[in-house]
């Protein structure tokens, strides 16, 4: 079953979160351009990208698999933002806002997976 990912609140929220991630990492040290900055950006982009790719697959089972990948990327991103605080690349206040967004996306992905498994 093909789903319209653009109508999914979790996809919309994750797109908005990616924008916030890029705005935040723009202030990271230039020495991290090919290090943690790139890793954070790739993990963030992976979330909506996997949601949309899963929606284009032929079954809810495949969508669920891509949601698992998106969820894994969200956990990776959470860890990388936490690490960025420890490295003093981002303030605790800025990080807290991002971490709350990521946590909400994780919950939304989990709920979508539950809904798919109950159909």
C-alpha atoms as a PDB file:
ATOM      1  CA  UNK A   1       0.000   0.000   0.000  1.00  0.00           C
ATOM      2  CA  UNK A   2       1.457   3.372  -1.001  1.00  0.00           C
ATOM      3  CA  UNK A   3       1.052   6.163   1.543  1.00  0.00           C
ATOM      4  CA  UNK A   4       1.199   9.893   0.838  1.00  0.00           C
ATOM      5  CA  UNK A   5       4.179  10.837   2.987  1.00  0.00           C
ATOM      6  CA  UNK A   6       3.546  14.567   2.526  1.00  0.00           C
ATOM      7  CA  UNK A   7       0.361  14.199   4.572  1.00  0.00           C
ATOM      8  CA  UNK A   8       2.117  12.484   7.480  1.00  0.00           C
ATOM      9  CA  UNK A   9       2.670  14.812  10.445  1.00  0.00           C
ATOM     10  CA  UNK A  10       5.833  12.908  11.358  1.00  0.00           C
ATOM     11  CA  UNK A  11       7.327  13.596   7.918  1.00  0.00           C
ATOM     12  CA  UNK A  12       6.347  17.279   8.112  1.00  0.00           C
ATOM     13  CA  UNK A  13       7.808  17.624  11.609  1.00  0.00           C
ATOM     14  CA  UNK A  14      11.018  15.865  10.601  1.00  0.00           C
ATOM     15  CA  UNK A  15      11.461  18.206   7.609  1.00  0.00           C
ATOM     16  CA  UNK A  16      11.140  21.182   9.961  1.00  0.00           C
ATOM     17  CA  UNK A  17      13.623  19.550  12.354  1.00  0.00           C
ATOM     18  CA  UNK A  18      16.169  19.097   9.536  1.00  0.00           C
ATOM     19  CA  UNK A  19      16.005  22.825   8.882  1.00  0.00           C
ATOM     20  CA  UNK A  20      16.709  23.504  12.565  1.00  0.00           C
ATOM     21  CA  UNK A  21      19.606  21.058  12.523  1.00  0.00           C
ATOM     22  CA  UNK A  22      21.187  22.797   9.526  1.00  0.00           C
ATOM     23  CA  UNK A  23      20.765  26.200  11.179  1.00  0.00           C
ATOM     24  CA  UNK A  24      22.396  24.881  14.346  1.00  0.00           C
ATOM     25  CA  UNK A  25      25.315  23.119  12.664  1.00  0.00           C
ATOM     26  CA  UNK A  26      26.094  26.238  10.613  1.00  0.00           C
ATOM     27  CA  UNK A  27      27.688  27.553  13.806  1.00  0.00           C
ATOM     28  CA  UNK A  28      29.870  24.503  14.431  1.00  0.00           C
ATOM     29  CA  UNK A  29      33.654  24.867  14.066  1.00  0.00           C
ATOM     30  CA  UNK A  30      34.902  24.668  10.488  1.00  0.00           C
ATOM     31  CA  UNK A  31      37.271  21.907  11.612  1.00  0.00           C
ATOM     32  CA  UNK A  32      34.180  19.703  12.077  1.00  0.00           C
ATOM     33  CA  UNK A  33      32.828  20.246   8.556  1.00  0.00           C
ATOM     34  CA  UNK A  34      33.689  16.671   7.555  1.00  0.00           C
ATOM     35  CA  UNK A  35      33.253  15.245  11.034  1.00  0.00           C
ATOM     36  CA  UNK A  36      30.372  15.551  13.437  1.00  0.00           C
ATOM     37  CA  UNK A  37      28.661  18.305  11.415  1.00  0.00           C
ATOM     38  CA  UNK A  38      28.225  16.062   8.392  1.00  0.00           C
ATOM     39  CA  UNK A  39      27.250  13.087  10.539  1.00  0.00           C
ATOM     40  CA  UNK A  40      24.551  15.113  12.312  1.00  0.00           C
ATOM     41  CA  UNK A  41      23.174  16.441   9.041  1.00  0.00           C
ATOM     42  CA  UNK A  42      23.121  13.011   7.417  1.00  0.00           C
ATOM     43  CA  UNK A  43      21.350  11.439  10.421  1.00  0.00           C
ATOM     44  CA  UNK A  44      18.764  14.239  10.404  1.00  0.00           C
ATOM     45  CA  UNK A  45      18.089  14.000   6.659  1.00  0.00           C
ATOM     46  CA  UNK A  46      17.817  10.224   6.940  1.00  0.00           C
ATOM     47  CA  UNK A  47      14.676  10.516   9.045  1.00  0.00           C
ATOM     48  CA  UNK A  48      12.278  12.135   6.539  1.00  0.00           C
ATOM     49  CA  UNK A  49      14.071  10.441   3.633  1.00  0.00           C
ATOM     50  CA  UNK A  50      13.396   6.965   5.031  1.00  0.00           C
ATOM     51  CA  UNK A  51       9.819   7.841   5.925  1.00  0.00           C
ATOM     52  CA  UNK A  52       9.149   8.963   2.357  1.00  0.00           C
ATOM     53  CA  UNK A  53      11.001   6.023   0.813  1.00  0.00           C
ATOM     54  CA  UNK A  54       9.028   3.591   2.951  1.00  0.00           C
ATOM     55  CA  UNK A  55       5.775   5.218   1.893  1.00  0.00           C
ATOM     56  CA  UNK A  56       6.665   4.506  -1.716  1.00  0.00           C
ATOM     57  CA  UNK A  57       7.084   0.795  -1.124  1.00  0.00           C
ATOM     58  CA  UNK A  58       4.489  -1.854  -1.876  1.00  0.00           C
ATOM     59  CA  UNK A  59       3.492  -2.900   1.613  1.00  0.00           C
ATOM     60  CA  UNK A  60       2.978  -1.761   5.162  1.00  0.00           C
ATOM     61  CA  UNK A  61       5.638  -4.305   6.170  1.00  0.00           C
ATOM     62  CA  UNK A  62       8.221  -2.521   4.021  1.00  0.00           C
ATOM     63  CA  UNK A  63       7.093   0.879   5.320  1.00  0.00           C
ATOM     64  CA  UNK A  64       7.534  -0.449   8.849  1.00  0.00           C
ATOM     65  CA  UNK A  65      11.102  -1.505   7.992  1.00  0.00           C
ATOM     66  CA  UNK A  66      11.939   1.980   6.705  1.00  0.00           C
ATOM     67  CA  UNK A  67      10.363   3.487   9.814  1.00  0.00           C
ATOM     68  CA  UNK A  68      12.760   1.332  11.841  1.00  0.00           C
ATOM     69  CA  UNK A  69      15.649   2.872   9.907  1.00  0.00           C
ATOM     70  CA  UNK A  70      14.259   6.379  10.465  1.00  0.00           C
ATOM     71  CA  UNK A  71      13.888   5.610  14.168  1.00  0.00           C
ATOM     72  CA  UNK A  72      17.496   4.420  14.333  1.00  0.00           C
ATOM     73  CA  UNK A  73      18.619   7.653  12.691  1.00  0.00           C
ATOM     74  CA  UNK A  74      16.616   9.631  15.256  1.00  0.00           C
ATOM     75  CA  UNK A  75      18.415   7.849  18.093  1.00  0.00           C
ATOM     76  CA  UNK A  76      21.761   8.462  16.388  1.00  0.00           C
ATOM     77  CA  UNK A  77      20.884  12.142  15.995  1.00  0.00           C
ATOM     78  CA  UNK A  78      19.883  12.389  19.659  1.00  0.00           C
ATOM     79  CA  UNK A  79      23.295  11.022  20.650  1.00  0.00           C
ATOM     80  CA  UNK A  80      25.175  13.337  18.290  1.00  0.00           C
ATOM     81  CA  UNK A  81      23.374  16.429  19.590  1.00  0.00           C
ATOM     82  CA  UNK A  82      24.124  15.327  23.158  1.00  0.00           C
ATOM     83  CA  UNK A  83      27.782  14.899  22.203  1.00  0.00           C
ATOM     84  CA  UNK A  84      27.772  18.359  20.618  1.00  0.00           C
ATOM     85  CA  UNK A  85      26.819  19.840  23.983  1.00  0.00           C
ATOM     86  CA  UNK A  86      29.720  18.024  25.636  1.00  0.00           C
ATOM     87  CA  UNK A  87      32.067  19.446  22.971  1.00  0.00           C
ATOM     88  CA  UNK A  88      30.625  22.937  23.533  1.00  0.00           C
ATOM     89  CA  UNK A  89      29.506  23.204  19.900  1.00  0.00           C
ATOM     90  CA  UNK A  90      25.935  23.970  20.937  1.00  0.00           C
ATOM     91  CA  UNK A  91      24.430  25.419  24.093  1.00  0.00           C
ATOM     92  CA  UNK A  92      22.406  23.265  26.440  1.00  0.00           C
ATOM     93  CA  UNK A  93      19.336  25.421  25.770  1.00  0.00           C
ATOM     94  CA  UNK A  94      19.613  25.042  21.986  1.00  0.00           C
ATOM     95  CA  UNK A  95      20.270  21.349  22.327  1.00  0.00           C
ATOM     96  CA  UNK A  96      17.295  20.858  24.640  1.00  0.00           C
ATOM     97  CA  UNK A  97      14.957  22.287  22.029  1.00  0.00           C
ATOM     98  CA  UNK A  98      16.385  19.981  19.351  1.00  0.00           C
ATOM     99  CA  UNK A  99      16.307  16.970  21.664  1.00  0.00           C
ATOM    100  CA  UNK A 100      12.634  17.619  22.421  1.00  0.00           C
ATOM    101  CA  UNK A 101      11.879  17.746  18.681  1.00  0.00           C
ATOM    102  CA  UNK A 102      13.771  14.503  18.127  1.00  0.00           C
ATOM    103  CA  UNK A 103      11.971  12.788  21.021  1.00  0.00           C
ATOM    104  CA  UNK A 104       8.593  13.823  19.653  1.00  0.00           C
ATOM    105  CA  UNK A 105       9.533  12.476  16.203  1.00  0.00           C
ATOM    106  CA  UNK A 106      10.646   9.201  17.791  1.00  0.00           C
ATOM    107  CA  UNK A 107       7.264   8.881  19.519  1.00  0.00           C
ATOM    108  CA  UNK A 108       5.406   9.701  16.298  1.00  0.00           C
ATOM    109  CA  UNK A 109       7.363   7.067  14.352  1.00  0.00           C
ATOM    110  CA  UNK A 110       6.668   4.517  17.060  1.00  0.00           C
ATOM    111  CA  UNK A 111       2.930   5.298  17.016  1.00  0.00           C
ATOM    112  CA  UNK A 112       2.841   5.032  13.206  1.00  0.00           C
ATOM    113  CA  UNK A 113       4.548   1.648  13.411  1.00  0.00           C
ATOM    114  CA  UNK A 114       1.976   0.490  15.963  1.00  0.00           C
ATOM    115  CA  UNK A 115      -0.847   1.655  13.712  1.00  0.00           C
ATOM    116  CA  UNK A 116       0.649  -0.242  10.750  1.00  0.00           C
ATOM    117  CA  UNK A 117       1.026  -3.412  12.812  1.00  0.00           C
ATOM    118  CA  UNK A 118      -2.599  -3.226  13.960  1.00  0.00           C
ATOM    119  CA  UNK A 119      -4.062  -3.063  10.446  1.00  0.00           C
END
